[in-house]
Amino acid sequence: GIDNLNDYYDPALKQARLSQLEGHDRFAFVKLDVSDRDRVATL
């Protein structure tokens, strides 16, 4: 999963959603903005 966790709305709600996913051992999160060309390519 990737997300830039921006503040368009409350980032705490985004973090709360993520906390529900991070309990899964098959889930990996990368904080990343899809507009970042080089980092998206690397991912």
PDB file of all heavy atoms in Angstrom:
ATOM      1  N   GLY A   1       0.823  -1.202   0.000  1.00  0.00           N
ATOM      2  CA  GLY A   1       0.000   0.000   0.000  1.00  0.00           C
ATOM      3  C   GLY A   1       0.857   1.252   0.000  1.00  0.00           C
ATOM      4  O   GLY A   1       1.866   1.309   0.708  1.00  0.00           O
ATOM      5  N   ILE A   2       0.462   2.229  -0.811  1.00  0.00           N
ATOM      6  CA  ILE A   2       1.152   3.512  -0.779  1.00  0.00           C
ATOM      7  C   ILE A   2       0.135   4.634  -0.591  1.00  0.00           C
ATOM      8  O   ILE A   2      -1.035   4.516  -0.981  1.00  0.00           O
ATOM      9  CB  ILE A   2       2.010   3.773  -2.042  1.00  0.00           C
ATOM     10  CG1 ILE A   2       1.126   3.917  -3.291  1.00  0.00           C
ATOM     11  CG2 ILE A   2       3.051   2.687  -2.215  1.00  0.00           C
ATOM     12  CD1 ILE A   2       1.920   4.367  -4.522  1.00  0.00           C
ATOM     13  N   ASP A   3       0.577   5.715   0.019  1.00  0.00           N
ATOM     14  CA  ASP A   3      -0.251   6.893   0.241  1.00  0.00           C
ATOM     15  C   ASP A   3       0.682   8.025   0.658  1.00  0.00           C
ATOM     16  O   ASP A   3       1.717   7.771   1.290  1.00  0.00           O
ATOM     17  CB  ASP A   3      -1.278   6.618   1.353  1.00  0.00           C
ATOM     18  CG  ASP A   3      -2.494   7.532   1.290  1.00  0.00           C
ATOM     19  OD1 ASP A   3      -2.329   8.754   1.526  1.00  0.00           O
ATOM     20  OD2 ASP A   3      -3.594   7.043   0.990  1.00  0.00           O
ATOM     21  N   ASN A   4       0.314   9.267   0.304  1.00  0.00           N
ATOM     22  CA  ASN A   4       1.165  10.381   0.738  1.00  0.00           C
ATOM     23  C   ASN A   4       0.700  10.978   2.060  1.00  0.00           C
ATOM     24  O   ASN A   4       1.353  11.868   2.609  1.00  0.00           O
ATOM     25  CB  ASN A   4       1.243  11.471  -0.344  1.00  0.00           C
ATOM     26  CG  ASN A   4      -0.082  12.162  -0.605  1.00  0.00           C
ATOM     27  OD1 ASN A   4      -1.102  11.856   0.030  1.00  0.00           O
ATOM     28  ND2 ASN A   4      -0.092  13.093  -1.547  1.00  0.00           N
ATOM     29  N   LEU A   5      -0.439  10.506   2.578  1.00  0.00           N
ATOM     30  CA  LEU A   5      -0.956  10.945   3.880  1.00  0.00           C
ATOM     31  C   LEU A   5      -1.055  12.464   3.968  1.00  0.00           C
ATOM     32  O   LEU A   5      -0.725  13.072   4.993  1.00  0.00           O
ATOM     33  CB  LEU A   5      -0.080  10.401   5.020  1.00  0.00           C
ATOM     34  CG  LEU A   5       0.023   8.870   5.113  1.00  0.00           C
ATOM     35  CD1 LEU A   5       1.019   8.469   6.186  1.00  0.00           C
ATOM     36  CD2 LEU A   5      -1.339   8.252   5.393  1.00  0.00           C
ATOM     37  N   ASN A   6      -1.527  13.104   2.898  1.00  0.00           N
ATOM     38  CA  ASN A   6      -1.610  14.565   2.908  1.00  0.00           C
ATOM     39  C   ASN A   6      -2.725  15.049   3.827  1.00  0.00           C
ATOM     40  O   ASN A   6      -3.486  14.269   4.398  1.00  0.00           O
ATOM     41  CB  ASN A   6      -1.777  15.113   1.478  1.00  0.00           C
ATOM     42  CG  ASN A   6      -3.120  14.750   0.853  1.00  0.00           C
ATOM     43  OD1 ASN A   6      -4.101  14.483   1.539  1.00  0.00           O
ATOM     44  ND2 ASN A   6      -3.159  14.730  -0.470  1.00  0.00           N
ATOM     45  N   ASP A   7      -2.824  16.371   3.974  1.00  0.00           N
ATOM     46  CA  ASP A   7      -3.773  16.946   4.922  1.00  0.00           C
ATOM     47  C   ASP A   7      -5.005  17.520   4.237  1.00  0.00           C
ATOM     48  O   ASP A   7      -5.644  18.436   4.765  1.00  0.00           O
ATOM     49  CB  ASP A   7      -3.097  18.015   5.781  1.00  0.00           C
ATOM     50  CG  ASP A   7      -2.545  19.170   4.957  1.00  0.00           C
ATOM     51  OD1 ASP A   7      -2.658  19.140   3.710  1.00  0.00           O
ATOM     52  OD2 ASP A   7      -1.997  20.118   5.560  1.00  0.00           O
ATOM     53  N   TYR A   8      -5.385  16.985   3.067  1.00  0.00           N
ATOM     54  CA  TYR A   8      -6.636  17.407   2.432  1.00  0.00           C
ATOM     55  C   TYR A   8      -7.793  17.214   3.412  1.00  0.00           C
ATOM     56  O   TYR A   8      -8.717  18.011   3.467  1.00  0.00           O
ATOM     57  CB  TYR A   8      -6.855  16.606   1.148  1.00  0.00           C
ATOM     58  CG  TYR A   8      -8.226  16.790   0.526  1.00  0.00           C
ATOM     59  CD1 TYR A   8      -8.635  18.029   0.049  1.00  0.00           C
ATOM     60  CD2 TYR A   8      -9.113  15.723   0.436  1.00  0.00           C
ATOM     61  CE1 TYR A   8      -9.892  18.202  -0.511  1.00  0.00           C
ATOM     62  CE2 TYR A   8     -10.372  15.879  -0.124  1.00  0.00           C
ATOM     63  CZ  TYR A   8     -10.753  17.122  -0.596  1.00  0.00           C
ATOM     64  OH  TYR A   8     -12.005  17.293  -1.137  1.00  0.00           O
ATOM     65  N   TYR A   9      -7.757  16.125   4.177  1.00  0.00           N
ATOM     66  CA  TYR A   9      -8.622  15.991   5.348  1.00  0.00           C
ATOM     67  C   TYR A   9      -7.793  15.355   6.452  1.00  0.00           C
ATOM     68  O   TYR A   9      -6.637  14.970   6.245  1.00  0.00           O
ATOM     69  CB  TYR A   9      -9.910  15.220   5.038  1.00  0.00           C
ATOM     70  CG  TYR A   9      -9.737  13.779   4.587  1.00  0.00           C
ATOM     71  CD1 TYR A   9      -9.531  12.750   5.498  1.00  0.00           C
ATOM     72  CD2 TYR A   9      -9.811  13.450   3.233  1.00  0.00           C
ATOM     73  CE1 TYR A   9      -9.400  11.434   5.090  1.00  0.00           C
ATOM     74  CE2 TYR A   9      -9.678  12.135   2.817  1.00  0.00           C
ATOM     75  CZ  TYR A   9      -9.475  11.133   3.753  1.00  0.00           C
ATOM     76  OH  TYR A   9      -9.337   9.835   3.341  1.00  0.00           O
ATOM     77  N   ASP A  10      -8.351  15.235   7.633  1.00  0.00           N
ATOM     78  CA  ASP A  10      -7.671  14.812   8.848  1.00  0.00           C
ATOM     79  C   ASP A  10      -6.740  13.608   8.646  1.00  0.00           C
ATOM     80  O   ASP A  10      -7.194  12.479   8.452  1.00  0.00           O
ATOM     81  CB  ASP A  10      -8.728  14.465   9.900  1.00  0.00           C
ATOM     82  CG  ASP A  10      -8.126  14.114  11.249  1.00  0.00           C
ATOM     83  OD1 ASP A  10      -6.915  14.318  11.433  1.00  0.00           O
ATOM     84  OD2 ASP A  10      -8.883  13.628  12.122  1.00  0.00           O
ATOM     85  N   PRO A  11      -5.413  13.833   8.714  1.00  0.00           N
ATOM     86  CA  PRO A  11      -4.472  12.711   8.559  1.00  0.00           C
ATOM     87  C   PRO A  11      -4.633  11.643   9.646  1.00  0.00           C
ATOM     88  O   PRO A  11      -4.258  10.490   9.431  1.00  0.00           O
ATOM     89  CB  PRO A  11      -3.095  13.384   8.652  1.00  0.00           C
ATOM     90  CG  PRO A  11      -3.342  14.812   8.292  1.00  0.00           C
ATOM     91  CD  PRO A  11      -4.708  15.119   8.824  1.00  0.00           C
ATOM     92  N   ALA A  12      -5.189  12.026  10.788  1.00  0.00           N
ATOM     93  CA  ALA A  12      -5.381  11.041  11.868  1.00  0.00           C
ATOM     94  C   ALA A  12      -6.351   9.947  11.442  1.00  0.00           C
ATOM     95  O   ALA A  12      -6.198   8.779  11.833  1.00  0.00           O
ATOM     96  CB  ALA A  12      -5.884  11.739  13.129  1.00  0.00           C
ATOM     97  N   LEU A  13      -7.361  10.301  10.636  1.00  0.00           N
ATOM     98  CA  LEU A  13      -8.293   9.289  10.139  1.00  0.00           C
ATOM     99  C   LEU A  13      -7.572   8.343   9.182  1.00  0.00           C
ATOM    100  O   LEU A  13      -7.799   7.127   9.202  1.00  0.00           O
ATOM    101  CB  LEU A  13      -9.473   9.971   9.436  1.00  0.00           C
ATOM    102  CG  LEU A  13     -10.536   9.053   8.834  1.00  0.00           C
ATOM    103  CD1 LEU A  13     -11.133   8.124   9.888  1.00  0.00           C
ATOM    104  CD2 LEU A  13     -11.628   9.870   8.152  1.00  0.00           C
ATOM    105  N   LYS A  14      -6.687   8.869   8.356  1.00  0.00           N
ATOM    106  CA  LYS A  14      -5.908   8.029   7.442  1.00  0.00           C
ATOM    107  C   LYS A  14      -5.002   7.084   8.237  1.00  0.00           C
ATOM    108  O   LYS A  14      -4.877   5.905   7.907  1.00  0.00           O
ATOM    109  CB  LYS A  14      -5.085   8.903   6.493  1.00  0.00           C
ATOM    110  CG  LYS A  14      -5.935   9.820   5.626  1.00  0.00           C
ATOM    111  CD  LYS A  14      -5.071  10.714   4.731  1.00  0.00           C
ATOM    112  CE  LYS A  14      -5.944  11.655   3.923  1.00  0.00           C
ATOM    113  NZ  LYS A  14      -5.182  12.529   3.015  1.00  0.00           N
ATOM    114  N   GLN A  15      -4.373   7.614   9.292  1.00  0.00           N
ATOM    115  CA  GLN A  15      -3.508   6.778  10.122  1.00  0.00           C
ATOM    116  C   GLN A  15      -4.311   5.691  10.828  1.00  0.00           C
ATOM    117  O   GLN A  15      -3.844   4.556  10.985  1.00  0.00           O
ATOM    118  CB  GLN A  15      -2.783   7.648  11.151  1.00  0.00           C
ATOM    119  CG  GLN A  15      -1.741   8.582  10.566  1.00  0.00           C
ATOM    120  CD  GLN A  15      -0.465   7.852  10.153  1.00  0.00           C
ATOM    121  OE1 GLN A  15      -0.336   6.633  10.291  1.00  0.00           O
ATOM    122  NE2 GLN A  15       0.488   8.588   9.609  1.00  0.00           N
ATOM    123  N   ALA A  16      -5.540   6.031  11.239  1.00  0.00           N
ATOM    124  CA  ALA A  16      -6.391   5.034  11.906  1.00  0.00           C
ATOM    125  C   ALA A  16      -6.763   3.911  10.948  1.00  0.00           C
ATOM    126  O   ALA A  16      -6.810   2.740  11.340  1.00  0.00           O
ATOM    127  CB  ALA A  16      -7.643   5.712  12.456  1.00  0.00           C
ATOM    128  N   ARG A  17      -7.040   4.262   9.694  1.00  0.00           N
ATOM    129  CA  ARG A  17      -7.310   3.213   8.698  1.00  0.00           C
ATOM    130  C   ARG A  17      -6.085   2.332   8.526  1.00  0.00           C
ATOM    131  O   ARG A  17      -6.179   1.092   8.507  1.00  0.00           O
ATOM    132  CB  ARG A  17      -7.693   3.851   7.360  1.00  0.00           C
ATOM    133  CG  ARG A  17      -9.005   4.628   7.341  1.00  0.00           C
ATOM    134  CD  ARG A  17      -9.302   5.080   5.916  1.00  0.00           C
ATOM    135  NE  ARG A  17     -10.400   6.019   5.795  1.00  0.00           N
ATOM    136  CZ  ARG A  17     -10.299   7.236   5.269  1.00  0.00           C
ATOM    137  NH1 ARG A  17      -9.130   7.665   4.815  1.00  0.00           N
ATOM    138  NH2 ARG A  17     -11.360   8.012   5.176  1.00  0.00           N
ATOM    139  N   LEU A  18      -4.922   2.970   8.389  1.00  0.00           N
ATOM    140  CA  LEU A  18      -3.679   2.209   8.202  1.00  0.00           C
ATOM    141  C   LEU A  18      -3.433   1.253   9.360  1.00  0.00           C
ATOM    142  O   LEU A  18      -2.955   0.123   9.158  1.00  0.00           O
ATOM    143  CB  LEU A  18      -2.488   3.161   8.074  1.00  0.00           C
ATOM    144  CG  LEU A  18      -2.136   3.690   6.698  1.00  0.00           C
ATOM    145  CD1 LEU A  18      -0.892   4.564   6.782  1.00  0.00           C
ATOM    146  CD2 LEU A  18      -1.919   2.546   5.700  1.00  0.00           C
ATOM    147  N   SER A  19      -3.733   1.688  10.569  1.00  0.00           N
ATOM    148  CA  SER A  19      -3.490   0.831  11.737  1.00  0.00           C
ATOM    149  C   SER A  19      -4.308  -0.452  11.658  1.00  0.00           C
ATOM    150  O   SER A  19      -3.917  -1.480  12.216  1.00  0.00           O
ATOM    151  CB  SER A  19      -3.797   1.595  13.024  1.00  0.00           C
ATOM    152  OG  SER A  19      -5.190   1.804  13.170  1.00  0.00           O
ATOM    153  N   GLN A  20      -5.454  -0.392  10.969  1.00  0.00           N
ATOM    154  CA  GLN A  20      -6.275  -1.587  10.786  1.00  0.00           C
ATOM    155  C   GLN A  20      -5.611  -2.574   9.820  1.00  0.00           C
ATOM    156  O   GLN A  20      -5.837  -3.777   9.899  1.00  0.00           O
ATOM    157  CB  GLN A  20      -7.644  -1.194  10.221  1.00  0.00           C
ATOM    158  CG  GLN A  20      -8.446  -0.241  11.073  1.00  0.00           C
ATOM    159  CD  GLN A  20      -9.053  -0.917  12.280  1.00  0.00           C
ATOM    160  OE1 GLN A  20      -9.693  -1.952  12.159  1.00  0.00           O
ATOM    161  NE2 GLN A  20      -8.845  -0.341  13.449  1.00  0.00           N
ATOM    162  N   LEU A  21      -4.814  -2.043   8.908  1.00  0.00           N
ATOM    163  CA  LEU A  21      -4.169  -2.884   7.897  1.00  0.00           C
ATOM    164  C   LEU A  21      -2.817  -3.415   8.366  1.00  0.00           C
ATOM    165  O   LEU A  21      -2.411  -4.514   7.982  1.00  0.00           O
ATOM    166  CB  LEU A  21      -3.966  -2.086   6.603  1.00  0.00           C
ATOM    167  CG  LEU A  21      -5.220  -1.530   5.927  1.00  0.00           C
ATOM    168  CD1 LEU A  21      -4.822  -0.641   4.741  1.00  0.00           C
ATOM    169  CD2 LEU A  21      -6.135  -2.653   5.467  1.00  0.00           C
ATOM    170  N   GLU A  22      -2.130  -2.640   9.179  1.00  0.00           N
ATOM    171  CA  GLU A  22      -0.752  -2.983   9.528  1.00  0.00           C
ATOM    172  C   GLU A  22      -0.653  -4.185  10.454  1.00  0.00           C
ATOM    173  O   GLU A  22       0.439  -4.689  10.688  1.00  0.00           O
ATOM    174  CB  GLU A  22      -0.055  -1.752  10.103  1.00  0.00           C
ATOM    175  CG  GLU A  22       0.232  -0.716   9.005  1.00  0.00           C
ATOM    176  CD  GLU A  22       0.776   0.605   9.529  1.00  0.00           C
ATOM    177  OE1 GLU A  22       0.503   0.925  10.709  1.00  0.00           O
ATOM    178  OE2 GLU A  22       1.455   1.308   8.762  1.00  0.00           O
ATOM    179  N   GLY A  23      -1.786  -4.661  10.944  1.00  0.00           N
ATOM    180  CA  GLY A  23      -1.762  -5.891  11.721  1.00  0.00           C
ATOM    181  C   GLY A  23      -1.632  -7.138  10.867  1.00  0.00           C
ATOM    182  O   GLY A  23      -1.387  -8.227  11.386  1.00  0.00           O
ATOM    183  N   HIS A  24      -1.795  -6.992   9.556  1.00  0.00           N
ATOM    184  CA  HIS A  24      -1.658  -8.128   8.638  1.00  0.00           C
ATOM    185  C   HIS A  24      -0.191  -8.315   8.261  1.00  0.00           C
ATOM    186  O   HIS A  24       0.485  -7.361   7.872  1.00  0.00           O
ATOM    187  CB  HIS A  24      -2.469  -7.883   7.360  1.00  0.00           C
ATOM    188  CG  HIS A  24      -3.949  -7.960   7.560  1.00  0.00           C
ATOM    189  ND1 HIS A  24      -4.676  -9.113   7.353  1.00  0.00           N
ATOM    190  CD2 HIS A  24      -4.844  -7.022   7.945  1.00  0.00           C
ATOM    191  CE1 HIS A  24      -5.946  -8.873   7.596  1.00  0.00           C
ATOM    192  NE2 HIS A  24      -6.081  -7.618   7.958  1.00  0.00           N
ATOM    193  N   ASP A  25       0.295  -9.568   8.339  1.00  0.00           N
ATOM    194  CA  ASP A  25       1.699  -9.803   7.999  1.00  0.00           C
ATOM    195  C   ASP A  25       1.937  -9.770   6.490  1.00  0.00           C
ATOM    196  O   ASP A  25       3.089  -9.769   6.050  1.00  0.00           O
ATOM    197  CB  ASP A  25       2.204 -11.122   8.602  1.00  0.00           C
ATOM    198  CG  ASP A  25       1.386 -12.328   8.153  1.00  0.00           C
ATOM    199  OD1 ASP A  25       0.509 -12.171   7.273  1.00  0.00           O
ATOM    200  OD2 ASP A  25       1.628 -13.429   8.683  1.00  0.00           O
ATOM    201  N   ARG A  26       0.866  -9.735   5.703  1.00  0.00           N
ATOM    202  CA  ARG A  26       1.025  -9.651   4.246  1.00  0.00           C
ATOM    203  C   ARG A  26       0.843  -8.230   3.723  1.00  0.00           C
ATOM    204  O   ARG A  26       0.713  -8.027   2.531  1.00  0.00           O
ATOM    205  CB  ARG A  26       0.028 -10.590   3.547  1.00  0.00           C
ATOM    206  CG  ARG A  26       0.269 -12.065   3.817  1.00  0.00           C
ATOM    207  CD  ARG A  26      -0.684 -12.941   3.014  1.00  0.00           C
ATOM    208  NE  ARG A  26      -2.071 -12.518   3.153  1.00  0.00           N
ATOM    209  CZ  ARG A  26      -2.846 -12.820   4.191  1.00  0.00           C
ATOM    210  NH1 ARG A  26      -2.356 -13.545   5.196  1.00  0.00           N
ATOM    211  NH2 ARG A  26      -4.095 -12.406   4.240  1.00  0.00           N
ATOM    212  N   PHE A  27       0.844  -7.257   4.623  1.00  0.00           N
ATOM    213  CA  PHE A  27       0.674  -5.855   4.228  1.00  0.00           C
ATOM    214  C   PHE A  27       1.957  -5.083   4.473  1.00  0.00           C
ATOM    215  O   PHE A  27       2.570  -5.169   5.536  1.00  0.00           O
ATOM    216  CB  PHE A  27      -0.461  -5.205   5.007  1.00  0.00           C
ATOM    217  CG  PHE A  27      -0.676  -3.747   4.660  1.00  0.00           C
ATOM    218  CD1 PHE A  27      -1.277  -3.387   3.466  1.00  0.00           C
ATOM    219  CD2 PHE A  27      -0.260  -2.742   5.518  1.00  0.00           C
ATOM    220  CE1 PHE A  27      -1.475  -2.050   3.134  1.00  0.00           C
ATOM    221  CE2 PHE A  27      -0.452  -1.403   5.211  1.00  0.00           C
ATOM    222  CZ  PHE A  27      -1.062  -1.050   4.011  1.00  0.00           C
ATOM    223  N   ALA A  28       2.385  -4.342   3.459  1.00  0.00           N
ATOM    224  CA  ALA A  28       3.550  -3.469   3.598  1.00  0.00           C
ATOM    225  C   ALA A  28       3.139  -2.067   3.154  1.00  0.00           C
ATOM    226  O   ALA A  28       2.507  -1.907   2.102  1.00  0.00           O
ATOM    227  CB  ALA A  28       4.709  -3.966   2.748  1.00  0.00           C
ATOM    228  N   PHE A  29       3.478  -1.060   3.950  1.00  0.00           N
ATOM    229  CA  PHE A  29       3.105   0.311   3.616  1.00  0.00           C
ATOM    230  C   PHE A  29       4.341   1.140   3.295  1.00  0.00           C
ATOM    231  O   PHE A  29       5.365   1.041   3.973  1.00  0.00           O
ATOM    232  CB  PHE A  29       2.350   0.974   4.768  1.00  0.00           C
ATOM    233  CG  PHE A  29       2.011   2.421   4.484  1.00  0.00           C
ATOM    234  CD1 PHE A  29       1.044   2.745   3.537  1.00  0.00           C
ATOM    235  CD2 PHE A  29       2.682   3.446   5.137  1.00  0.00           C
ATOM    236  CE1 PHE A  29       0.739   4.073   3.245  1.00  0.00           C
ATOM    237  CE2 PHE A  29       2.377   4.770   4.858  1.00  0.00           C
ATOM    238  CZ  PHE A  29       1.406   5.088   3.912  1.00  0.00           C
ATOM    239  N   VAL A  30       4.226   1.941   2.241  1.00  0.00           N
ATOM    240  CA  VAL A  30       5.284   2.879   1.855  1.00  0.00           C
ATOM    241  C   VAL A  30       4.647   4.259   1.720  1.00  0.00           C
ATOM    242  O   VAL A  30       3.696   4.433   0.949  1.00  0.00           O
ATOM    243  CB  VAL A  30       5.945   2.479   0.516  1.00  0.00           C
ATOM    244  CG1 VAL A  30       7.027   3.493   0.143  1.00  0.00           C
ATOM    245  CG2 VAL A  30       6.523   1.071   0.595  1.00  0.00           C
ATOM    246  N   LYS A  31       5.148   5.222   2.491  1.00  0.00           N
ATOM    247  CA  LYS A  31       4.658   6.594   2.340  1.00  0.00           C
ATOM    248  C   LYS A  31       5.262   7.177   1.070  1.00  0.00           C
ATOM    249  O   LYS A  31       6.488   7.302   0.959  1.00  0.00           O
ATOM    250  CB  LYS A  31       5.024   7.443   3.548  1.00  0.00           C
ATOM    251  CG  LYS A  31       4.414   8.839   3.486  1.00  0.00           C
ATOM    252  CD  LYS A  31       4.752   9.670   4.722  1.00  0.00           C
ATOM    253  CE  LYS A  31       4.133  11.060   4.605  1.00  0.00           C
ATOM    254  NZ  LYS A  31       4.471  11.914   5.769  1.00  0.00           N
ATOM    255  N   LEU A  32       4.395   7.495   0.131  1.00  0.00           N
ATOM    256  CA  LEU A  32       4.879   7.869  -1.198  1.00  0.00           C
ATOM    257  C   LEU A  32       3.805   8.659  -1.933  1.00  0.00           C
ATOM    258  O   LEU A  32       2.624   8.317  -1.896  1.00  0.00           O
ATOM    259  CB  LEU A  32       5.220   6.591  -1.978  1.00  0.00           C
ATOM    260  CG  LEU A  32       5.625   6.707  -3.450  1.00  0.00           C
ATOM    261  CD1 LEU A  32       6.885   7.533  -3.590  1.00  0.00           C
ATOM    262  CD2 LEU A  32       5.825   5.318  -4.046  1.00  0.00           C
ATOM    263  N   ASP A  33       4.232   9.709  -2.617  1.00  0.00           N
ATOM    264  CA  ASP A  33       3.342  10.509  -3.460  1.00  0.00           C
ATOM    265  C   ASP A  33       3.469  10.010  -4.891  1.00  0.00           C
ATOM    266  O   ASP A  33       4.583   9.908  -5.421  1.00  0.00           O
ATOM    267  CB  ASP A  33       3.727  11.989  -3.378  1.00  0.00           C
ATOM    268  CG  ASP A  33       2.654  12.898  -3.953  1.00  0.00           C
ATOM    269  OD1 ASP A  33       2.180  12.629  -5.079  1.00  0.00           O
ATOM    270  OD2 ASP A  33       2.296  13.885  -3.286  1.00  0.00           O
ATOM    271  N   VAL A  34       2.337   9.683  -5.523  1.00  0.00           N
ATOM    272  CA  VAL A  34       2.398   9.117  -6.872  1.00  0.00           C
ATOM    273  C   VAL A  34       2.957  10.108  -7.893  1.00  0.00           C
ATOM    274  O   VAL A  34       3.355   9.708  -8.993  1.00  0.00           O
ATOM    275  CB  VAL A  34       1.019   8.614  -7.347  1.00  0.00           C
ATOM    276  CG1 VAL A  34       0.594   7.394  -6.542  1.00  0.00           C
ATOM    277  CG2 VAL A  34      -0.037   9.712  -7.300  1.00  0.00           C
ATOM    278  N   SER A  35       3.014  11.386  -7.548  1.00  0.00           N
ATOM    279  CA  SER A  35       3.596  12.366  -8.479  1.00  0.00           C
ATOM    280  C   SER A  35       5.121  12.362  -8.459  1.00  0.00           C
ATOM    281  O   SER A  35       5.756  13.026  -9.276  1.00  0.00           O
ATOM    282  CB  SER A  35       3.074  13.780  -8.166  1.00  0.00           C
ATOM    283  OG  SER A  35       3.536  14.222  -6.901  1.00  0.00           O
ATOM    284  N   ASP A  36       5.716  11.599  -7.528  1.00  0.00           N
ATOM    285  CA  ASP A  36       7.177  11.496  -7.429  1.00  0.00           C
ATOM    286  C   ASP A  36       7.654  10.415  -8.411  1.00  0.00           C
ATOM    287  O   ASP A  36       7.674   9.218  -8.094  1.00  0.00           O
ATOM    288  CB  ASP A  36       7.576  11.146  -5.997  1.00  0.00           C
ATOM    289  CG  ASP A  36       9.079  11.213  -5.771  1.00  0.00           C
ATOM    290  OD1 ASP A  36       9.846  10.933  -6.719  1.00  0.00           O
ATOM    291  OD2 ASP A  36       9.490  11.521  -4.637  1.00  0.00           O
ATOM    292  N   ARG A  37       8.060  10.852  -9.580  1.00  0.00           N
ATOM    293  CA  ARG A  37       8.390   9.938 -10.685  1.00  0.00           C
ATOM    294  C   ARG A  37       9.458   8.925 -10.316  1.00  0.00           C
ATOM    295  O   ARG A  37       9.301   7.718 -10.559  1.00  0.00           O
ATOM    296  CB  ARG A  37       8.831  10.771 -11.887  1.00  0.00           C
ATOM    297  CG  ARG A  37       9.286   9.979 -13.088  1.00  0.00           C
ATOM    298  CD  ARG A  37       9.672  10.943 -14.188  1.00  0.00           C
ATOM    299  NE  ARG A  37      10.291  10.278 -15.316  1.00  0.00           N
ATOM    300  CZ  ARG A  37      10.721  10.921 -16.403  1.00  0.00           C
ATOM    301  NH1 ARG A  37      10.587  12.232 -16.498  1.00  0.00           N
ATOM    302  NH2 ARG A  37      11.290  10.257 -17.399  1.00  0.00           N
ATOM    303  N   ASP A  38      10.550   9.363  -9.747  1.00  0.00           N
ATOM    304  CA  ASP A  38      11.668   8.467  -9.465  1.00  0.00           C
ATOM    305  C   ASP A  38      11.314   7.438  -8.403  1.00  0.00           C
ATOM    306  O   ASP A  38      11.656   6.249  -8.532  1.00  0.00           O
ATOM    307  CB  ASP A  38      12.894   9.270  -9.029  1.00  0.00           C
ATOM    308  CG  ASP A  38      13.486  10.093 -10.162  1.00  0.00           C
ATOM    309  OD1 ASP A  38      13.229   9.755 -11.338  1.00  0.00           O
ATOM    310  OD2 ASP A  38      14.190  11.074  -9.875  1.00  0.00           O
ATOM    311  N   ARG A  39      10.631   7.871  -7.357  1.00  0.00           N
ATOM    312  CA  ARG A  39      10.296   6.939  -6.272  1.00  0.00           C
ATOM    313  C   ARG A  39       9.245   5.932  -6.709  1.00  0.00           C
ATOM    314  O   ARG A  39       9.281   4.764  -6.286  1.00  0.00           O
ATOM    315  CB  ARG A  39       9.835   7.707  -5.036  1.00  0.00           C
ATOM    316  CG  ARG A  39      10.956   8.478  -4.328  1.00  0.00           C
ATOM    317  CD  ARG A  39      10.537   8.863  -2.923  1.00  0.00           C
ATOM    318  NE  ARG A  39      10.314   7.702  -2.086  1.00  0.00           N
ATOM    319  CZ  ARG A  39       9.506   7.691  -1.014  1.00  0.00           C
ATOM    320  NH1 ARG A  39       8.817   8.771  -0.693  1.00  0.00           N
ATOM    321  NH2 ARG A  39       9.370   6.598  -0.298  1.00  0.00           N
ATOM    322  N   VAL A  40       8.317   6.357  -7.557  1.00  0.00           N
ATOM    323  CA  VAL A  40       7.322   5.408  -8.075  1.00  0.00           C
ATOM    324  C   VAL A  40       8.013   4.350  -8.930  1.00  0.00           C
ATOM    325  O   VAL A  40       7.742   3.150  -8.813  1.00  0.00           O
ATOM    326  CB  VAL A  40       6.216   6.128  -8.872  1.00  0.00           C
ATOM    327  CG1 VAL A  40       5.347   5.132  -9.632  1.00  0.00           C
ATOM    328  CG2 VAL A  40       5.349   6.968  -7.945  1.00  0.00           C
ATOM    329  N   ALA A  41       8.939   4.787  -9.773  1.00  0.00           N
ATOM    330  CA  ALA A  41       9.669   3.843 -10.624  1.00  0.00           C
ATOM    331  C   ALA A  41      10.452   2.850  -9.776  1.00  0.00           C
ATOM    332  O   ALA A  41      10.478   1.644 -10.062  1.00  0.00           O
ATOM    333  CB  ALA A  41      10.601   4.602 -11.557  1.00  0.00           C
ATOM    334  N   THR A  42      11.093   3.340  -8.722  1.00  0.00           N
ATOM    335  CA  THR A  42      11.861   2.470  -7.822  1.00  0.00           C
ATOM    336  C   THR A  42      10.950   1.474  -7.125  1.00  0.00           C
ATOM    337  O   THR A  42      11.283   0.282  -6.992  1.00  0.00           O
ATOM    338  CB  THR A  42      12.613   3.310  -6.780  1.00  0.00           C
ATOM    339  OG1 THR A  42      13.533   4.180  -7.457  1.00  0.00           O
ATOM    340  CG2 THR A  42      13.375   2.432  -5.810  1.00  0.00           C
ATOM    341  N   LEU A  43       9.806   1.930  -6.675  1.00  0.00           N
ATOM    342  CA  LEU A  43       8.851   1.047  -6.000  1.00  0.00           C
ATOM    343  C   LEU A  43       8.454  -0.113  -6.901  1.00  0.00           C
ATOM    344  O   LEU A  43       8.453  -1.279  -6.478  1.00  0.00           O
ATOM    345  CB  LEU A  43       7.611   1.840  -5.589  1.00  0.00           C
ATOM    346  CG  LEU A  43       6.538   0.999  -4.898  1.00  0.00           C
ATOM    347  CD1 LEU A  43       6.710   1.041  -3.385  1.00  0.00           C
ATOM    348  CD2 LEU A  43       5.136   1.455  -5.263  1.00  0.00           C
TER     349      LEU A  43
END
